[in-house]
Amino acid sequence: MNKQWKIGLALLALGTLIPSAYAVEKPATSTVSKPTANNTAMVNVNTATLSQLTTVKGLGLKKAQAILDYRQQSGPFKKLEDLTQVPGISDKLLAKIKPHLTL
């Protein structure tokens, strides 16, 4: 192989390696997803932190902490309706906050 071919192959190999060195790995799942139609982000009740839960209108610190406590004791929520098992979360409140939540 002549010198120009070797240089060309070396540059090609180098060009394919450099971008991967700068690649950023994305997390497998996200706690907060893209904004909904009314411009508020969806919050995953199974992975959200206290501060993320309090971004949902209708969930203050006390109710958000109750969700975390329930989740720690009972494990992840299987469906959003399970939130009514959390002290302070009524059917009426769930109907209000459900559009902003996800599993």
N, C-alpha and C. Protein backbone atom coordinates (compact mmCIF):
# COMPACT_ATOMS: atom_id res chain seq x y z
N MET A 1 0.85 -1.17 0.00
CA MET A 1 0.00 0.00 0.00
C MET A 1 0.90 1.23 0.00
N ASN A 2 0.52 2.22 -0.79
CA ASN A 2 1.37 3.40 -0.85
C ASN A 2 1.11 4.33 0.34
N LYS A 3 1.97 5.29 0.49
CA LYS A 3 1.95 6.18 1.64
C LYS A 3 0.66 7.00 1.72
N GLN A 4 0.14 7.45 0.56
CA GLN A 4 -1.08 8.25 0.56
C GLN A 4 -2.27 7.43 1.05
N TRP A 5 -2.35 6.17 0.68
CA TRP A 5 -3.43 5.31 1.14
C TRP A 5 -3.35 5.12 2.65
N LYS A 6 -2.17 4.91 3.16
CA LYS A 6 -2.00 4.71 4.60
C LYS A 6 -2.42 5.96 5.37
N ILE A 7 -2.04 7.12 4.88
CA ILE A 7 -2.42 8.38 5.53
C ILE A 7 -3.94 8.57 5.46
N GLY A 8 -4.51 8.27 4.30
CA GLY A 8 -5.96 8.39 4.13
C GLY A 8 -6.72 7.47 5.08
N LEU A 9 -6.28 6.23 5.20
CA LEU A 9 -6.94 5.28 6.12
C LEU A 9 -6.76 5.71 7.57
N ALA A 10 -5.60 6.23 7.90
CA ALA A 10 -5.36 6.69 9.26
C ALA A 10 -6.28 7.86 9.60
N LEU A 11 -6.44 8.79 8.68
CA LEU A 11 -7.33 9.93 8.90
C LEU A 11 -8.78 9.49 9.00
N LEU A 12 -9.17 8.52 8.18
CA LEU A 12 -10.53 8.00 8.23
C LEU A 12 -10.79 7.33 9.58
N ALA A 13 -9.86 6.53 10.04
CA ALA A 13 -10.01 5.86 11.33
C ALA A 13 -10.07 6.88 12.46
N LEU A 14 -9.22 7.86 12.39
CA LEU A 14 -9.19 8.90 13.40
C LEU A 14 -10.50 9.70 13.40
N GLY A 15 -11.02 9.96 12.23
CA GLY A 15 -12.28 10.70 12.11
C GLY A 15 -13.47 9.96 12.69
N THR A 16 -13.44 8.64 12.66
CA THR A 16 -14.54 7.87 13.24
C THR A 16 -14.40 7.71 14.74
N LEU A 17 -13.19 7.83 15.26
CA LEU A 17 -12.98 7.68 16.69
C LEU A 17 -13.21 8.96 17.47
N ILE A 18 -12.87 10.08 16.92
CA ILE A 18 -12.96 11.36 17.64
C ILE A 18 -14.39 11.70 18.04
N PRO A 19 -15.39 11.62 17.16
CA PRO A 19 -16.75 11.98 17.60
C PRO A 19 -17.24 11.12 18.76
N SER A 20 -16.89 9.84 18.79
CA SER A 20 -17.36 8.99 19.88
C SER A 20 -16.71 9.36 21.20
N ALA A 21 -15.55 9.96 21.17
CA ALA A 21 -14.89 10.38 22.40
C ALA A 21 -15.64 11.54 23.05
N TYR A 22 -16.38 12.30 22.25
CA TYR A 22 -17.14 13.43 22.77
C TYR A 22 -18.63 13.13 22.94
N ALA A 23 -19.02 11.92 22.69
CA ALA A 23 -20.43 11.56 22.80
C ALA A 23 -20.87 11.62 24.26
N VAL A 24 -22.08 12.10 24.48
CA VAL A 24 -22.63 12.18 25.82
C VAL A 24 -23.71 11.12 25.94
N GLU A 25 -23.58 10.29 26.96
CA GLU A 25 -24.56 9.23 27.15
C GLU A 25 -25.82 9.82 27.76
N LYS A 26 -26.98 9.50 27.17
CA LYS A 26 -28.26 9.96 27.68
C LYS A 26 -28.76 8.97 28.73
N PRO A 27 -29.41 9.46 29.77
CA PRO A 27 -29.96 8.54 30.76
C PRO A 27 -31.04 7.67 30.14
N ALA A 28 -31.19 6.46 30.67
CA ALA A 28 -32.16 5.51 30.13
C ALA A 28 -33.59 6.01 30.31
N THR A 29 -33.89 6.56 31.48
CA THR A 29 -35.23 7.08 31.72
C THR A 29 -35.12 8.47 32.31
N SER A 30 -36.15 9.22 32.14
CA SER A 30 -36.16 10.58 32.65
C SER A 30 -37.27 10.72 33.66
N THR A 31 -37.03 11.52 34.67
CA THR A 31 -38.04 11.79 35.68
C THR A 31 -39.02 12.83 35.21
N VAL A 32 -38.54 13.78 34.45
CA VAL A 32 -39.39 14.84 33.93
C VAL A 32 -39.32 14.79 32.41
N SER A 33 -40.48 14.69 31.78
CA SER A 33 -40.51 14.56 30.32
C SER A 33 -40.80 15.91 29.67
N LYS A 34 -40.97 15.88 28.35
CA LYS A 34 -41.22 17.10 27.59
C LYS A 34 -42.51 17.77 28.05
N PRO A 35 -42.59 19.08 27.89
CA PRO A 35 -43.81 19.79 28.28
C PRO A 35 -45.04 19.29 27.53
N THR A 36 -46.18 19.35 28.21
CA THR A 36 -47.45 18.97 27.61
C THR A 36 -48.01 20.17 26.85
N ALA A 37 -49.21 20.02 26.32
CA ALA A 37 -49.83 21.07 25.53
C ALA A 37 -49.97 22.38 26.32
N ASN A 38 -50.21 22.29 27.64
CA ASN A 38 -50.36 23.51 28.43
C ASN A 38 -49.03 23.98 29.00
N ASN A 39 -47.92 23.49 28.42
CA ASN A 39 -46.57 23.96 28.69
C ASN A 39 -46.05 23.61 30.08
N THR A 40 -46.51 22.52 30.68
CA THR A 40 -45.94 22.05 31.93
C THR A 40 -45.34 20.67 31.69
N ALA A 41 -44.25 20.39 32.35
CA ALA A 41 -43.56 19.11 32.15
C ALA A 41 -44.29 17.99 32.87
N MET A 42 -44.21 16.80 32.30
CA MET A 42 -44.76 15.61 32.94
C MET A 42 -43.75 15.12 33.97
N VAL A 43 -44.23 14.73 35.15
CA VAL A 43 -43.37 14.27 36.23
C VAL A 43 -43.64 12.80 36.48
N ASN A 44 -42.59 11.99 36.51
CA ASN A 44 -42.71 10.56 36.77
C ASN A 44 -42.79 10.35 38.28
N VAL A 45 -43.94 9.88 38.77
CA VAL A 45 -44.15 9.73 40.21
C VAL A 45 -43.29 8.61 40.80
N ASN A 46 -42.76 7.73 39.99
CA ASN A 46 -41.94 6.63 40.50
C ASN A 46 -40.46 6.99 40.63
N THR A 47 -40.04 8.08 40.02
CA THR A 47 -38.62 8.44 40.08
C THR A 47 -38.38 9.89 40.50
N ALA A 48 -39.41 10.68 40.60
CA ALA A 48 -39.26 12.11 40.88
C ALA A 48 -38.75 12.37 42.29
N THR A 49 -38.01 13.45 42.41
CA THR A 49 -37.55 13.92 43.72
C THR A 49 -38.63 14.79 44.34
N LEU A 50 -38.40 15.18 45.57
CA LEU A 50 -39.35 16.06 46.26
C LEU A 50 -39.53 17.36 45.49
N SER A 51 -38.44 17.98 45.08
CA SER A 51 -38.55 19.26 44.37
C SER A 51 -39.23 19.10 43.02
N GLN A 52 -39.03 17.97 42.35
CA GLN A 52 -39.69 17.75 41.06
C GLN A 52 -41.19 17.56 41.26
N LEU A 53 -41.58 16.84 42.30
CA LEU A 53 -43.01 16.65 42.57
C LEU A 53 -43.69 17.96 42.90
N THR A 54 -43.00 18.85 43.58
CA THR A 54 -43.63 20.12 43.97
C THR A 54 -43.81 21.07 42.79
N THR A 55 -43.25 20.74 41.64
CA THR A 55 -43.49 21.57 40.46
C THR A 55 -44.88 21.35 39.89
N VAL A 56 -45.54 20.28 40.31
CA VAL A 56 -46.91 19.98 39.86
C VAL A 56 -47.87 20.84 40.67
N LYS A 57 -48.65 21.67 39.98
CA LYS A 57 -49.61 22.54 40.66
C LYS A 57 -50.62 21.67 41.40
N GLY A 58 -50.74 21.91 42.70
CA GLY A 58 -51.63 21.11 43.54
C GLY A 58 -50.88 20.20 44.49
N LEU A 59 -49.57 20.02 44.24
CA LEU A 59 -48.74 19.21 45.14
C LEU A 59 -47.77 20.12 45.87
N GLY A 60 -48.05 20.33 47.14
CA GLY A 60 -47.13 21.09 47.97
C GLY A 60 -46.10 20.16 48.58
N LEU A 61 -45.31 20.70 49.48
CA LEU A 61 -44.26 19.91 50.12
C LEU A 61 -44.82 18.72 50.89
N LYS A 62 -45.90 18.94 51.61
CA LYS A 62 -46.45 17.88 52.45
C LYS A 62 -46.97 16.71 51.61
N LYS A 63 -47.72 17.00 50.56
CA LYS A 63 -48.26 15.93 49.71
C LYS A 63 -47.15 15.26 48.89
N ALA A 64 -46.21 16.05 48.43
CA ALA A 64 -45.08 15.48 47.69
C ALA A 64 -44.28 14.54 48.59
N GLN A 65 -44.05 14.94 49.83
CA GLN A 65 -43.33 14.07 50.77
C GLN A 65 -44.14 12.82 51.07
N ALA A 66 -45.46 12.94 51.15
CA ALA A 66 -46.31 11.78 51.38
C ALA A 66 -46.20 10.78 50.22
N ILE A 67 -46.09 11.29 49.00
CA ILE A 67 -45.90 10.42 47.83
C ILE A 67 -44.57 9.68 47.94
N LEU A 68 -43.51 10.40 48.31
CA LEU A 68 -42.19 9.76 48.46
C LEU A 68 -42.21 8.71 49.57
N ASP A 69 -42.86 9.03 50.69
CA ASP A 69 -42.94 8.09 51.81
C ASP A 69 -43.70 6.83 51.39
N TYR A 70 -44.83 7.03 50.73
CA TYR A 70 -45.63 5.89 50.28
C TYR A 70 -44.84 5.04 49.30
N ARG A 71 -44.16 5.70 48.37
CA ARG A 71 -43.37 4.99 47.36
C ARG A 71 -42.25 4.17 48.01
N GLN A 72 -41.64 4.74 49.05
CA GLN A 72 -40.57 4.02 49.74
C GLN A 72 -41.11 2.80 50.48
N GLN A 73 -42.27 2.92 51.08
CA GLN A 73 -42.85 1.82 51.85
C GLN A 73 -43.49 0.76 50.97
N SER A 74 -44.14 1.18 49.89
CA SER A 74 -44.94 0.25 49.09
C SER A 74 -44.35 -0.09 47.73
N GLY A 75 -43.29 0.58 47.36
CA GLY A 75 -42.69 0.33 46.05
C GLY A 75 -43.30 1.24 45.00
N PRO A 76 -42.90 1.05 43.75
CA PRO A 76 -43.37 1.94 42.68
C PRO A 76 -44.88 1.82 42.45
N PHE A 77 -45.45 2.91 41.97
CA PHE A 77 -46.87 2.92 41.63
C PHE A 77 -47.07 2.13 40.35
N LYS A 78 -48.09 1.31 40.31
CA LYS A 78 -48.39 0.52 39.12
C LYS A 78 -49.29 1.28 38.15
N LYS A 79 -50.12 2.15 38.72
CA LYS A 79 -50.99 3.01 37.91
C LYS A 79 -51.20 4.31 38.69
N LEU A 80 -51.49 5.37 37.98
CA LEU A 80 -51.64 6.67 38.62
C LEU A 80 -52.77 6.68 39.65
N GLU A 81 -53.77 5.89 39.45
CA GLU A 81 -54.90 5.83 40.37
C GLU A 81 -54.46 5.35 41.76
N ASP A 82 -53.32 4.66 41.85
CA ASP A 82 -52.79 4.21 43.14
C ASP A 82 -52.42 5.39 44.03
N LEU A 83 -52.26 6.57 43.45
CA LEU A 83 -51.93 7.76 44.24
C LEU A 83 -53.02 8.09 45.26
N THR A 84 -54.24 7.64 45.03
CA THR A 84 -55.31 7.92 46.00
C THR A 84 -55.08 7.16 47.31
N GLN A 85 -54.14 6.23 47.33
CA GLN A 85 -53.79 5.52 48.56
C GLN A 85 -52.86 6.37 49.44
N VAL A 86 -52.32 7.42 48.87
CA VAL A 86 -51.42 8.32 49.59
C VAL A 86 -52.26 9.29 50.42
N PRO A 87 -51.95 9.43 51.71
CA PRO A 87 -52.71 10.38 52.53
C PRO A 87 -52.66 11.80 51.94
N GLY A 88 -53.83 12.41 51.78
CA GLY A 88 -53.92 13.76 51.25
C GLY A 88 -54.21 13.83 49.76
N ILE A 89 -54.16 12.70 49.06
CA ILE A 89 -54.44 12.69 47.62
C ILE A 89 -55.85 12.11 47.43
N SER A 90 -56.79 12.97 47.14
CA SER A 90 -58.18 12.55 46.92
C SER A 90 -58.41 12.28 45.44
N ASP A 91 -59.55 11.70 45.13
CA ASP A 91 -59.93 11.47 43.72
C ASP A 91 -59.98 12.80 42.97
N LYS A 92 -60.50 13.83 43.64
CA LYS A 92 -60.62 15.15 43.01
C LYS A 92 -59.24 15.73 42.70
N LEU A 93 -58.32 15.64 43.67
CA LEU A 93 -56.97 16.15 43.44
C LEU A 93 -56.27 15.34 42.35
N LEU A 94 -56.44 14.03 42.37
CA LEU A 94 -55.82 13.20 41.35
C LEU A 94 -56.28 13.60 39.96
N ALA A 95 -57.57 13.87 39.82
CA ALA A 95 -58.10 14.28 38.52
C ALA A 95 -57.44 15.59 38.05
N LYS A 96 -57.12 16.46 39.00
CA LYS A 96 -56.49 17.75 38.65
C LYS A 96 -55.02 17.58 38.25
N ILE A 97 -54.29 16.71 38.97
CA ILE A 97 -52.84 16.59 38.75
C ILE A 97 -52.46 15.49 37.75
N LYS A 98 -53.37 14.60 37.47
CA LYS A 98 -53.07 13.44 36.61
C LYS A 98 -52.52 13.83 35.24
N PRO A 99 -53.02 14.89 34.59
CA PRO A 99 -52.48 15.25 33.29
C PRO A 99 -50.99 15.64 33.32
N HIS A 100 -50.46 15.91 34.50
CA HIS A 100 -49.07 16.34 34.64
C HIS A 100 -48.16 15.23 35.14
N LEU A 101 -48.73 14.03 35.34
CA LEU A 101 -47.97 12.92 35.89
C LEU A 101 -47.84 11.76 34.93
N THR A 102 -46.81 10.98 35.12
CA THR A 102 -46.59 9.78 34.33
C THR A 102 -45.93 8.74 35.21
N LEU A 103 -45.90 7.51 34.74
CA LEU A 103 -45.23 6.42 35.47
C LEU A 103 -43.90 6.12 34.82
